[in-house]
Protein backbone atom coordinates (compact mmCIF):
# COMPACT_ATOMS: atom_id res chain seq x y z
CA MET A 1 0.00 0.00 0.00
CA LEU A 2 2.82 2.34 0.90
CA TRP A 3 4.62 1.52 -2.36
CA ALA A 4 1.44 2.10 -4.37
CA THR A 5 1.01 5.47 -2.71
CA PHE A 6 4.67 6.32 -3.30
CA VAL A 7 4.58 5.41 -6.98
CA THR A 8 1.15 6.97 -7.54
CA ASN A 9 2.24 10.22 -5.96
CA GLY A 10 5.35 10.19 -8.11
CA ARG A 11 3.31 9.65 -11.25
CA LEU A 12 0.86 12.31 -10.23
CA ARG A 13 3.71 14.73 -9.73
CA ASP A 14 5.03 13.84 -13.17
CA CYS A 15 1.60 14.26 -14.72
CA ASP A 16 1.09 17.53 -12.89
CA HIS A 17 4.45 18.74 -14.10
CA ASN A 18 3.72 17.78 -17.72
CA HIS A 19 0.29 19.36 -17.59
CA ALA A 20 1.60 22.53 -15.96
CA THR A 21 4.38 22.81 -18.49
CA ALA A 22 1.93 22.32 -21.37
CA SER A 23 -0.54 24.86 -20.04
CA GLY A 24 1.95 27.45 -18.97
CA ASP A 25 1.18 27.06 -15.27
CA CYS A 26 4.44 25.66 -14.01
CA SER A 27 8.03 26.78 -14.23
CA SER A 28 9.93 24.20 -12.31
CA VAL A 29 9.74 20.61 -11.07
CA LYS A 30 8.91 20.36 -7.41
CA GLY A 31 9.02 17.26 -5.14
CA LEU A 32 10.77 15.47 -2.33
CA ASP A 33 14.54 15.56 -2.40
CA ILE A 34 16.67 12.42 -2.46
CA LYS A 35 17.15 12.42 1.33
CA TRP A 36 13.44 12.18 2.08
CA ARG A 37 12.87 9.62 -0.67
CA LEU A 38 15.57 7.34 0.73
CA THR A 39 14.00 7.77 4.15
CA ALA A 40 10.62 6.77 2.70
CA LEU A 41 12.21 3.74 1.05
CA LEU A 42 13.82 2.59 4.32
CA VAL A 43 10.57 3.14 6.25
CA ALA A 44 8.69 1.08 3.67
CA ILE A 45 11.22 -1.79 3.88
CA VAL A 46 11.16 -1.73 7.71
CA ALA A 47 7.35 -1.74 7.66
CA ALA A 48 7.34 -4.69 5.25
CA MET A 49 9.81 -6.62 7.43
CA THR A 50 7.74 -5.84 10.51
CA LEU A 51 4.61 -7.17 8.83
CA LEU A 52 6.55 -10.24 7.72
CA SER A 53 7.81 -10.88 11.26
CA ALA A 54 4.36 -10.38 12.72
CA GLY A 55 2.90 -12.81 10.20
CA GLY A 56 5.59 -15.37 11.00
CA LEU A 57 5.01 -15.06 14.74
CA TRP A 58 1.27 -15.46 14.21
CA ARG A 59 1.80 -18.63 12.19
CA LEU A 60 4.20 -20.00 14.81
CA ARG A 61 1.66 -19.37 17.53
CA GLN A 62 -0.95 -21.17 15.46
CA LEU A 63 1.44 -24.11 15.04
CA SER A 64 2.19 -24.16 18.77
CA ALA A 65 -1.55 -24.10 19.53
CA SER A 66 -2.04 -26.95 17.07
CA LEU A 67 0.65 -29.02 18.85
CA ASP A 68 -0.90 -28.26 22.23
CA SER A 69 -4.32 -29.31 20.89
CA PHE A 70 -2.80 -32.50 19.44
CA TYR A 71 -1.36 -33.42 22.82
CA ALA A 72 -4.41 -32.44 24.91
CA ASP A 73 -7.13 -33.72 22.58
CA ARG A 74 -5.51 -36.81 21.04
CA LEU A 75 -2.62 -38.23 23.07
CA LEU A 76 -4.14 -37.78 26.53
CA PRO A 77 -7.56 -39.24 25.52
CA MET A 78 -5.83 -42.40 24.31
CA GLN A 79 -4.16 -42.80 27.67
CA GLN A 80 -7.48 -42.15 29.41
CA LEU A 81 -9.26 -44.79 27.33
CA GLN A 82 -6.50 -47.29 28.09
CA ARG A 83 -6.74 -46.58 31.85
CA ILE A 84 -10.55 -46.91 31.74
CA GLN A 85 -10.26 -50.30 30.07
CA GLN A 86 -7.60 -51.44 32.51
CA ASN A 87 -9.21 -50.07 35.68
CA LEU A 88 -12.79 -50.84 34.84
CA LEU A 89 -12.51 -54.27 33.29
CA ALA A 90 -9.26 -56.04 34.09
CA ALA A 91 -8.73 -54.58 37.56
CA ASN A 92 -12.37 -54.96 38.63
CA LEU A 93 -12.49 -58.57 37.45
CA LEU A 94 -9.38 -59.26 39.52
CA SER A 95 -10.89 -57.57 42.56
CA VAL A 96 -14.21 -59.48 42.20
CA GLY A 97 -12.28 -62.75 41.95
CA ARG A 98 -10.55 -62.02 45.25
CA LEU A 99 -13.85 -61.25 46.90
CA LEU A 100 -15.32 -64.53 45.75
CA GLU A 101 -12.26 -66.45 46.98
CA GLY A 102 -12.34 -64.58 50.29
CA ASP A 103 -8.75 -63.46 49.85
CA ASP A 104 -8.24 -60.12 51.67
CA VAL A 105 -11.77 -58.91 51.18
CA GLU A 106 -11.17 -55.42 52.51
CA ARG A 107 -8.28 -54.82 50.19
CA ALA A 108 -10.28 -56.14 47.24
CA ARG A 109 -13.22 -53.89 48.10
CA SER A 110 -10.86 -50.89 48.41
CA GLU A 111 -9.27 -51.63 45.03
CA LEU A 112 -12.73 -52.00 43.52
CA THR A 113 -13.72 -48.57 44.82
CA VAL A 114 -10.47 -46.92 43.68
CA ASN A 115 -10.69 -48.50 40.23
CA SER A 116 -14.30 -47.37 39.78
CA GLN A 117 -13.50 -43.82 40.85
CA ALA A 118 -10.47 -43.70 38.55
CA ALA A 119 -12.55 -45.01 35.65
CA ARG A 120 -15.29 -42.49 36.35
CA ARG A 121 -12.74 -39.64 36.59
CA ASP A 122 -10.93 -40.63 33.39
CA TRP A 123 -14.22 -40.93 31.54
CA ALA A 124 -15.32 -37.45 32.64
CA GLU A 125 -11.98 -35.93 31.59
CA TYR A 126 -12.16 -37.75 28.27
CA LYS A 127 -15.56 -36.31 27.52
CA ARG A 128 -14.22 -32.77 28.13
CA THR A 129 -11.68 -33.15 25.33
CA GLN A 130 -12.37 -32.05 21.74
CA LEU A 131 -14.63 -34.77 20.33
CA VAL A 132 -15.36 -35.34 16.70
CA GLU A 133 -18.73 -36.54 15.51
CA ARG A 134 -17.67 -40.20 15.38
CA GLU A 135 -16.42 -39.99 18.96
CA ARG A 136 -19.66 -38.53 20.19
CA GLN A 137 -21.58 -41.42 18.60
CA LEU A 138 -19.33 -44.04 20.22
CA VAL A 139 -19.47 -42.26 23.58
CA ALA A 140 -23.26 -42.34 23.45
CA ARG A 141 -23.18 -46.12 22.89
CA ALA A 142 -20.50 -46.83 25.52
CA GLU A 143 -21.88 -44.68 28.32
CA PRO A 144 -24.89 -46.93 29.28
CA LEU A 145 -22.65 -50.00 29.54
CA LEU A 146 -20.10 -48.07 31.55
CA ALA A 147 -22.76 -46.63 33.85
CA ARG A 148 -24.27 -50.08 34.56
CA VAL A 149 -20.86 -51.53 35.39
CA LEU A 150 -19.93 -48.64 37.64
CA ALA A 151 -23.27 -48.73 39.41
CA GLN A 152 -22.89 -52.47 40.13
CA ALA A 153 -19.33 -51.89 41.36
CA ASP A 154 -20.50 -49.15 43.71
CA LYS A 155 -23.25 -51.41 45.04
CA LEU A 156 -20.79 -54.26 45.66
CA ALA A 157 -18.36 -51.98 47.45
CA GLY A 158 -21.08 -50.87 49.86
CA LEU A 159 -22.41 -54.37 50.88
CA PRO A 160 -21.16 -56.05 54.11
CA ARG A 161 -19.45 -59.39 54.04
CA GLY A 162 -21.91 -62.26 53.59
CA ASP A 163 -24.12 -64.01 51.12
CA ALA A 164 -25.49 -60.75 49.76
CA MET A 165 -21.99 -59.53 48.93
CA THR A 166 -21.13 -62.86 47.38
CA GLU A 167 -24.26 -62.77 45.26
CA ALA A 168 -23.52 -59.17 44.23
CA ALA A 169 -19.95 -60.11 43.40
CA ARG A 170 -21.12 -62.93 41.16
CA GLN A 171 -23.61 -60.58 39.48
CA LEU A 172 -20.88 -57.89 38.95
CA GLN A 173 -18.56 -60.54 37.59
CA GLY A 174 -21.23 -61.50 35.10
CA GLU A 175 -21.82 -57.85 34.15
CA LEU A 176 -18.13 -57.30 33.65
CA ARG A 177 -17.81 -60.39 31.47
CA GLN A 178 -20.87 -59.39 29.44
CA ALA A 179 -19.64 -55.76 29.08
CA ASP A 180 -16.03 -56.70 28.44
CA LEU A 181 -16.50 -57.48 24.78
CA PRO A 182 -18.84 -54.66 23.65
CA LEU A 183 -17.37 -52.00 25.96
CA GLY A 184 -13.82 -53.00 25.09
CA ARG A 185 -14.71 -52.91 21.41
CA LEU A 186 -16.20 -49.43 21.81
CA LEU A 187 -13.15 -48.18 23.74
CA SER A 188 -10.89 -49.67 21.04
CA GLU A 189 -12.92 -47.91 18.37
CA LEU A 190 -12.57 -44.64 20.30
CA ALA A 191 -8.80 -45.21 20.42
CA ASP A 192 -8.79 -45.89 16.68
CA VAL A 193 -10.71 -42.68 16.10
CA GLN A 194 -8.06 -40.85 18.12
CA LEU A 195 -5.36 -42.30 15.88
CA VAL A 196 -7.23 -41.38 12.71
CA VAL A 197 -7.93 -37.84 13.90
CA ALA A 198 -4.35 -37.51 15.18
CA ARG A 199 -3.00 -38.58 11.82
CA GLN A 200 -5.31 -36.13 10.05
CA GLN A 201 -4.28 -33.30 12.38
CA SER A 202 -0.63 -34.21 11.89
CA GLU A 203 -1.05 -34.01 8.16
CA ASP A 204 -2.94 -30.72 8.51
CA GLY A 205 -0.12 -29.40 10.71
CA GLN A 206 2.45 -30.42 8.13
CA ASP A 207 0.40 -28.72 5.42
CA ALA A 208 0.08 -25.63 7.59
CA LEU A 209 3.81 -25.67 8.24
CA ALA A 210 4.48 -25.98 4.51
CA ARG A 211 2.07 -23.16 3.77
CA THR A 212 3.74 -21.05 6.45
CA ALA A 213 7.13 -21.76 4.94
CA TRP A 214 5.92 -20.89 1.44
CA LEU A 215 4.14 -17.81 2.77
CA THR A 216 7.29 -16.69 4.57
CA LEU A 217 9.33 -17.29 1.44
CA GLY A 218 6.74 -15.41 -0.62
CA LEU A 219 6.75 -12.51 1.83
CA LEU A 220 10.54 -12.41 1.74
CA LEU A 221 10.54 -12.44 -2.05
CA GLY A 222 7.73 -9.88 -2.10
CA THR A 223 9.64 -7.64 0.29
CA GLY A 224 12.74 -7.95 -1.86
CA ALA A 225 10.75 -7.22 -5.00
CA LEU A 226 9.05 -4.30 -3.24
CA GLY A 227 12.40 -2.87 -2.17
CA ALA A 228 13.82 -3.36 -5.65
CA ALA A 229 10.77 -1.78 -7.27
CA MET A 230 10.87 1.15 -4.86
CA ALA A 231 14.60 1.60 -5.43
CA TYR A 232 14.06 1.46 -9.20
CA GLY A 233 11.18 3.93 -8.96
CA LEU A 234 13.31 6.20 -6.79
CA TRP A 235 16.19 6.00 -9.27
CA ARG A 236 13.89 6.67 -12.20
CA ARG A 237 12.34 9.61 -10.39
CA TYR A 238 15.77 10.97 -9.52
CA ALA A 239 16.97 10.49 -13.10
CA ASP A 240 13.84 12.25 -14.44
CA GLU A 241 14.34 15.15 -12.08
CA GLN A 242 17.98 15.44 -13.07
CA ALA A 243 16.90 15.51 -16.71
CA HIS A 244 14.25 18.14 -15.90
CA ALA A 245 16.81 20.15 -13.93
CA LEU A 246 19.26 19.99 -16.84
CA ALA A 247 16.55 21.05 -19.27
CA ALA A 248 15.57 23.87 -16.92
CA ARG A 249 19.19 25.02 -16.68
CA LEU A 250 19.57 24.96 -20.45
CA ARG A 251 16.28 26.81 -20.82
CA LEU A 252 17.41 29.35 -18.24
CA GLN A 253 20.67 29.80 -20.13
CA ARG A 254 18.70 30.47 -23.30
CA PHE A 255 16.60 32.97 -21.35
CA TYR A 256 19.66 34.85 -20.17
CA LYS A 257 21.23 34.67 -23.61
CA ALA A 258 18.09 36.14 -25.17
CA LEU A 259 17.96 38.94 -22.60
CA SER A 260 21.68 39.63 -22.98
CA GLU A 261 21.50 39.77 -26.77
CA THR A 262 18.43 41.98 -26.59
CA ASN A 263 20.17 44.40 -24.23
CA GLN A 264 23.28 44.42 -26.41
CA LEU A 265 21.08 45.11 -29.42
CA ILE A 266 19.45 47.99 -27.61
CA VAL A 267 22.71 49.48 -26.34
CA HIS A 268 25.05 48.89 -29.28
CA GLY A 269 23.48 47.17 -32.27
CA ALA A 270 20.31 48.98 -33.26
CA ALA A 271 20.94 52.19 -35.16
CA ASP A 272 17.24 52.82 -35.73
CA VAL A 273 13.83 51.40 -34.89
CA SER A 274 13.69 49.10 -37.93
CA ALA A 275 17.02 47.49 -37.01
CA LEU A 276 15.76 47.05 -33.43
CA TYR A 277 12.63 45.22 -34.60
CA ALA A 278 14.60 43.00 -36.99
CA GLY A 279 17.16 42.16 -34.31
CA LEU A 280 14.43 41.30 -31.78
CA CYS A 281 12.82 38.82 -34.21
CA ARG A 282 16.21 37.26 -34.98
CA ILE A 283 17.07 36.81 -31.27
CA CYS A 284 13.73 35.12 -30.49
CA VAL A 285 14.27 32.55 -33.26
CA GLU A 286 18.01 31.95 -32.80
CA THR A 287 17.75 31.41 -29.02
CA GLY A 288 15.01 28.80 -29.50
CA HIS A 289 12.05 30.76 -28.17
CA ALA A 290 10.10 30.63 -31.43
CA SER A 291 10.14 29.03 -34.85
CA LEU A 292 9.07 32.30 -36.45
CA ALA A 293 8.97 35.84 -35.05
CA SER A 294 7.51 39.01 -36.51
CA VAL A 295 6.71 42.56 -35.44
CA VAL A 296 3.31 44.03 -36.28
CA LEU A 297 2.82 47.81 -35.94
CA LEU A 298 -0.31 49.92 -35.78
CA ASP A 299 -0.38 52.28 -38.77
CA GLY A 300 -3.36 54.54 -38.35
CA LYS A 301 -6.38 52.23 -38.53
CA GLU A 302 -4.46 49.38 -40.10
CA PHE A 303 -1.87 46.84 -38.96
CA VAL A 304 1.30 46.18 -40.92
CA ARG A 305 4.01 43.54 -40.50
CA THR A 306 7.32 45.44 -40.51
CA ALA A 307 9.90 42.84 -39.40
CA LEU A 308 10.13 39.05 -39.80
CA HIS A 309 12.57 36.23 -39.09
CA GLY A 310 11.92 32.57 -39.90
CA PRO A 311 10.30 30.45 -42.65
CA ALA A 312 7.28 32.64 -43.31
CA GLU A 313 6.28 30.76 -46.50
CA LEU A 314 6.11 27.51 -44.53
CA LEU A 315 4.57 28.69 -41.24
CA MET A 316 2.44 31.68 -42.39
CA PRO A 317 1.01 30.80 -45.78
CA GLY A 318 -1.65 33.19 -46.98
CA VAL A 319 -1.14 35.74 -44.17
CA PRO A 320 -1.48 39.34 -45.50
CA GLN A 321 1.20 41.98 -45.03
CA ARG A 322 -1.34 44.66 -44.07
CA TRP A 323 -4.88 44.33 -42.71
CA ALA A 324 -7.60 46.33 -41.01
CA LEU A 325 -9.03 45.76 -37.53
CA GLN A 326 -12.47 44.86 -38.89
CA SER A 327 -11.16 42.54 -41.58
CA ARG A 328 -11.67 38.77 -41.46
CA PHE A 329 -8.01 38.18 -40.69
CA GLY A 330 -8.01 40.89 -38.02
CA ALA A 331 -10.73 39.03 -36.08
CA SER A 332 -8.46 35.99 -35.65
CA SER A 333 -5.07 37.72 -35.39
CA LEU A 334 -3.45 37.47 -31.95
CA SER A 335 -1.34 40.53 -32.74
CA THR A 336 -4.46 42.56 -33.46
CA GLN A 337 -6.01 41.39 -30.19
CA ALA A 338 -2.87 42.13 -28.18
CA ILE A 339 -2.58 45.68 -29.56
CA SER A 340 -6.31 46.38 -29.18
CA GLN A 341 -6.50 44.98 -25.63
CA ASN A 342 -3.06 46.29 -24.56
CA ARG A 343 -2.01 42.92 -23.09
CA HIS A 344 -0.24 39.79 -24.24
CA VAL A 345 -2.41 37.09 -25.82
CA ILE A 346 -1.40 33.40 -25.67
CA SER A 347 -2.76 30.29 -27.39
CA ASN A 348 -0.90 27.19 -26.17
CA ARG A 349 -3.27 24.89 -28.12
CA ALA A 350 -3.45 26.61 -31.48
CA MET A 351 -4.85 23.57 -33.29
CA GLN A 352 -7.79 23.43 -30.84
CA ASP A 353 -8.35 27.18 -30.34
CA PRO A 354 -11.81 28.00 -31.74
CA GLN A 355 -10.90 31.64 -32.30
CA LEU A 356 -7.97 30.65 -34.52
CA LEU A 357 -10.06 28.10 -36.41
CA GLN A 358 -12.66 30.52 -37.74
CA PRO A 359 -13.72 30.04 -41.38
CA ALA A 360 -12.12 33.32 -42.41
CA ALA A 361 -8.84 32.67 -40.58
CA PRO A 362 -5.82 31.36 -42.52
CA LEU A 363 -5.13 27.66 -42.22
CA ILE A 364 -2.70 26.79 -39.41
CA PRO A 365 0.04 24.69 -41.04
CA PRO A 366 1.78 21.67 -39.43
CA GLY A 367 4.60 22.75 -37.16
CA VAL A 368 2.61 25.50 -35.41
CA GLU A 369 1.20 24.32 -32.09
CA ALA A 370 1.41 27.46 -29.96
CA MET A 371 1.19 31.20 -30.63
CA ALA A 372 1.87 34.34 -28.62
CA ALA A 373 1.57 38.09 -29.19
CA LEU A 374 3.23 40.54 -26.79
CA VAL A 375 2.54 44.27 -26.74
CA LEU A 376 5.16 46.83 -27.77
CA ARG A 377 4.56 50.23 -26.20
CA ARG A 378 5.83 53.72 -26.89
CA ALA A 379 5.31 56.45 -24.33
CA GLY A 380 3.08 53.99 -22.46
CA GLN A 381 0.74 53.46 -25.44
CA PRO A 382 0.48 50.23 -27.51
CA ILE A 383 2.03 50.76 -30.94
CA GLY A 384 2.62 47.16 -32.04
CA ALA A 385 3.14 43.53 -31.03
CA LEU A 386 5.83 40.86 -31.15
CA SER A 387 4.22 37.76 -32.73
CA LEU A 388 5.76 34.32 -32.06
CA LEU A 389 5.00 30.84 -33.45
CA ALA A 390 6.22 27.70 -31.63
CA PRO A 391 6.28 24.00 -32.66
CA GLU A 392 5.19 22.55 -29.28
CA ALA A 393 1.83 22.67 -27.53
CA GLY A 394 2.06 24.42 -24.18
CA PHE A 395 5.33 26.07 -25.24
CA PHE A 396 4.66 29.48 -23.68
CA ASP A 397 4.79 28.69 -19.96
CA GLU A 398 5.04 31.26 -17.16
CA ALA A 399 8.85 31.39 -17.18
CA LEU A 400 9.02 32.02 -20.92
CA LEU A 401 6.24 34.60 -20.78
CA ALA A 402 8.09 36.43 -17.99
CA LEU A 403 11.20 36.52 -20.19
CA LEU A 404 9.29 37.71 -23.26
CA ASP A 405 7.45 40.36 -21.26
CA GLU A 406 10.79 41.62 -19.98
CA MET A 407 12.22 41.62 -23.51
CA VAL A 408 9.35 43.65 -24.98
CA SER A 409 9.52 45.93 -21.95
CA ASP A 410 13.20 46.57 -22.71
CA VAL A 411 12.36 47.20 -26.35
CA SER A 412 9.59 49.60 -25.31
CA PHE A 413 12.10 51.38 -23.09
CA ALA A 414 14.50 51.55 -26.04
CA LEU A 415 11.74 53.06 -28.20
CA ASP A 416 11.18 55.72 -25.54
CA ASN A 417 14.94 56.32 -25.54
CA PHE A 418 14.84 56.77 -29.29
CA ASP A 419 12.15 59.41 -28.82
CA ARG A 420 14.05 61.08 -26.00
CA GLU A 421 17.28 61.04 -28.01
CA ARG A 422 15.50 62.46 -31.02
CA ALA A 423 13.96 65.19 -28.87
CA ARG A 424 17.35 65.92 -27.29
CA GLU A 425 19.07 66.12 -30.66
CA GLN A 426 16.32 68.38 -31.91
CA ALA A 427 16.67 70.58 -28.85
CA LEU A 428 20.45 70.66 -29.29
CA ALA A 429 20.06 71.59 -32.93
CA GLU A 430 17.68 74.38 -32.02
CA ALA A 431 20.03 75.52 -29.28
CA ARG A 432 22.94 75.58 -31.72
CA GLN A 433 20.85 77.59 -34.15
CA HIS A 434 19.89 80.03 -31.42
CA GLN A 435 23.49 80.23 -30.25
CA ALA A 436 24.72 80.85 -33.77
CA LEU A 437 22.08 83.53 -34.24
CA PHE A 438 22.96 85.12 -30.91
CA SER A 439 26.68 85.01 -31.73
CA ALA A 440 26.06 86.57 -35.13
CA LEU A 441 23.93 89.31 -33.62
CA PHE A 442 26.35 89.79 -30.71
CA HIS A 443 29.41 90.27 -32.88
CA ALA A 444 27.65 92.21 -35.63
CA SER A 445 26.07 94.66 -33.20
CA PRO A 446 27.01 98.35 -33.85
CA VAL A 447 27.16 98.98 -30.07
CA SER A 448 29.74 97.71 -27.62
CA ALA A 449 28.68 94.45 -25.95
CA VAL A 450 30.24 92.33 -23.19
CA LEU A 451 29.17 89.18 -21.32
CA ALA A 452 30.72 88.76 -17.86
CA ARG A 453 30.19 86.63 -14.77
CA ALA A 454 27.90 88.28 -12.27
CA ASP A 455 29.93 87.29 -9.22
CA THR A 456 33.52 88.00 -10.34
CA GLY A 457 33.11 90.28 -13.34
CA GLU A 458 35.37 88.08 -15.51
CA VAL A 459 34.74 88.68 -19.21
CA LEU A 460 33.31 85.61 -20.95
CA GLU A 461 32.52 87.12 -24.36
CA LEU A 462 32.82 90.55 -26.05
CA ASN A 463 32.46 91.99 -29.52
CA GLU A 464 34.92 93.81 -31.73
CA ARG A 465 33.22 97.18 -31.09
CA LEU A 466 34.19 96.99 -27.40
CA CYS A 467 37.80 96.14 -28.25
CA GLN A 468 37.99 99.23 -30.45
CA ARG A 469 36.55 101.44 -27.71
CA TYR A 470 38.99 100.29 -25.05
CA GLU A 471 41.87 100.04 -27.54
CA LEU A 472 42.75 96.50 -26.39
CA PRO A 473 42.81 93.21 -28.31
CA ARG A 474 40.23 90.51 -27.65
CA GLU A 475 42.76 88.14 -26.05
CA ALA A 476 43.74 90.76 -23.47
CA LEU A 477 40.15 91.20 -22.28
CA LEU A 478 38.85 87.57 -22.16
CA GLY A 479 38.95 86.12 -18.65
CA LYS A 480 39.87 89.47 -17.04
CA ARG A 481 37.99 92.11 -15.08
CA LEU A 482 37.78 95.45 -16.91
CA SER A 483 38.67 97.35 -13.77
CA SER A 484 41.85 95.28 -13.36
CA LEU A 485 42.98 96.56 -16.78
CA GLY A 486 42.18 100.20 -15.91
CA VAL A 487 39.29 100.44 -18.33
CA GLY A 488 35.53 100.66 -17.97
CA LEU A 489 33.15 102.82 -15.91
CA LEU A 490 34.53 105.35 -13.53
CA PRO A 491 34.09 104.36 -9.87
CA ALA A 492 31.08 106.61 -9.16
CA ASP A 493 29.24 105.45 -12.27
CA GLN A 494 30.23 101.85 -11.53
CA ALA A 495 28.68 102.10 -8.05
CA GLN A 496 25.41 103.43 -9.51
CA PHE A 497 25.48 100.66 -12.13
CA ASN A 498 25.90 97.97 -9.46
CA GLU A 499 23.10 99.40 -7.29
CA LEU A 500 20.61 99.48 -10.15
CA LEU A 501 21.54 95.96 -11.27
CA LYS A 502 21.18 94.56 -7.76
CA ARG A 503 17.87 96.36 -7.16
CA ASP A 504 16.11 95.87 -10.50
CA GLY A 505 18.07 93.03 -12.14
CA ARG A 506 18.78 95.28 -15.06
CA VAL A 507 20.05 98.77 -16.01
CA ARG A 508 18.31 101.04 -18.50
CA SER A 509 19.99 103.97 -20.35
CA LEU A 510 22.49 104.83 -17.62
CA GLN A 511 24.68 107.81 -18.72
CA GLY A 512 28.22 107.56 -17.49
CA GLN A 513 31.88 107.93 -18.36
CA VAL A 514 34.28 105.15 -19.36
CA ARG A 515 38.04 105.12 -19.56
CA SER A 516 39.99 103.54 -22.43
CA SER A 517 43.43 101.95 -22.11
CA SER A 518 45.04 105.21 -23.38
CA GLY A 519 43.30 107.22 -20.64
CA ARG A 520 40.65 108.84 -22.81
CA LEU A 521 37.33 109.56 -21.14
CA LEU A 522 34.26 108.85 -23.26
CA HIS A 523 30.56 109.46 -22.64
CA SER A 524 28.41 106.26 -22.90
CA LEU A 525 24.78 105.26 -22.59
CA VAL A 526 24.78 101.85 -20.79
CA ASP A 527 22.15 99.07 -20.67
CA ALA A 528 22.53 95.69 -18.85
CA VAL A 529 20.51 92.67 -17.80
CA LEU A 530 21.09 89.63 -15.53
CA LEU A 531 20.72 86.22 -17.28
CA ASP A 532 21.72 82.58 -16.96
CA TYR A 533 24.46 81.48 -19.33
CA GLN A 534 25.66 77.84 -19.35
CA GLY A 535 24.33 77.28 -15.87
CA GLN A 536 25.84 80.37 -14.18
CA PRO A 537 24.54 83.93 -13.55
CA CYS A 538 25.99 86.46 -15.97
CA VAL A 539 25.60 90.11 -16.98
CA LEU A 540 25.04 91.16 -20.58
CA ALA A 541 25.91 94.84 -20.97
CA THR A 542 25.77 97.10 -24.02
CA SER A 543 26.89 100.69 -24.38
CA VAL A 544 26.62 103.42 -27.03
CA ASP A 545 29.26 106.10 -27.42
CA ILE A 546 27.53 109.50 -26.99
CA THR A 547 30.67 111.59 -26.66
CA GLU A 548 30.04 113.51 -29.88
CA LEU A 549 26.35 113.90 -28.97
CA ARG A 550 27.28 115.42 -25.61
CA ALA A 551 29.77 117.71 -27.32
CA ALA A 552 27.15 118.90 -29.78
CA GLN A 553 24.68 119.47 -26.96
CA ALA A 554 27.28 121.47 -25.06
CA LEU A 555 28.12 123.51 -28.16
CA ALA A 556 24.48 124.30 -28.73
CA ALA A 557 24.08 125.32 -25.15
CA SER A 558 27.06 127.73 -25.32
CA GLY A 559 25.95 129.34 -28.52
CA GLY A 560 28.21 127.49 -30.87
CA GLY A 561 31.39 127.97 -28.86
CA ALA A 562 34.11 125.48 -29.01
CA ALA A 563 33.73 122.61 -26.69
CA THR A 564 35.95 122.75 -23.68
CA GLY A 565 37.90 119.69 -22.76
CA ASP A 566 37.36 117.74 -25.90
CA ASN A 567 37.25 114.38 -24.25
CA ALA A 568 37.62 115.46 -20.67
CA ALA A 569 33.90 115.13 -19.96
CA ALA A 570 33.39 111.87 -21.82
CA HIS A 571 31.83 109.05 -19.73
CA ASN A 572 33.31 105.55 -19.52
CA PRO A 573 30.89 102.68 -20.14
CA PRO A 574 29.92 100.88 -16.89
CA GLU A 575 31.74 97.69 -15.92
CA PRO A 576 29.31 94.83 -16.58
CA ARG A 577 29.08 93.23 -13.15
CA PRO A 578 26.69 93.68 -10.25
């Protein structure tokens, strides 16, 4: 029973594993390890040996009881019958003869009494033994004769010495002689019955002993066969699990290989989206996860197959390249369903799937037993599906689906990266255009312009007009503070410039004087604004030379007189820093 349970459970585990693998509900073989199975085997053998020992002891006790019964019910009754015949017949006849001869009458009477009591006691004990039907019949015939003899012997023993005793003795002697032949014959027949029954019981005992021996041998052989069968079943189970474990390891290696190749394709191999789709289909086929792989994309209200790897003519005969959602093919297409429902769609029994066997659906060719369609997303929205065909029913189990979901998730992430990279490149291109435009405007401006850091006043950029005003080359001004070179706004105007910039964040039309490197003072109209340039706060300042305008204004005010201090009153442009 234990072995049947052990084997049945093992088979059920195998069947459950096969079914789970076929239906996609199991990813690994589970069961007792070798330690617990060996323990179960030893427990089963010990239990079988215990049952064998118990059975042997039970048969030995039966044999011992049979021997006891043989002794008590057959050997002892024969002795009892012999004593009855001796005490009742031979001994009583001898005692009666002594009474009649007058030889020691008291002793003869005592012997007669003892013999009668012994015969009565032996007869009672004999009747309590196990009697067969033939014995009961003979006992019924012998008991009246025995009772008459015993009654006459008791009567004789109780009479006093005299004629009455003599007459009773003669009568008892006659009774004994008359009963000797029939009663002796009956007692002999009872003894013969004992021999017959004893022989039969002996033969039955020998048969029982032989059966016990054969049963013991059979139990020993059965236990050995049971142990061998259990050991074989354990070995087979262990070998099967090792094979399953090896297959699982190989499958896991293929999983990792597929993921690794997909990631390498995403990081290094795919230059554009089309190459990514083609590489994904190739990886799925070459790593053994499909016989044919294709990518279907949503194009407006239609679906189009854009990438393919595998024998399409053999495994997809008659399948269109482009189809609509409401078309006959669209109703049976797993890719269409996956994109429309935004989830993967699996058919592990393609040849029995009623949805794939619609009249309008293409014929499923031999070699296609399972199908899967997994959603490709872009910016979180379904844009296509990875379609896979497999040659085995139940091919797409949970482990494989987890891998494929991770693969399409990586591809979806790569598609988002393509979009982000495209947006970044577009933003960079726009930024370069804006920078080029700004640079062109900055350097072509007719007014002096300078870009400096807001915290240190270091010049980051300046135009040629400013170099001409301060009479210094561009290289001498870049990276320096204007005040450190002795050029720029005079201190009073610089202080007003800094106060306005700090208070308002900009300066509008500030009139001031600037000094050139030769010491000339020039009048300037200064504008400035705070801005962020390459991640740091900067000041963009422009200035217009109004020295001639101020001179003309002064001349007009003095009635056309010559201007005093030709350049003495000219303002320096403000230093562009807060």
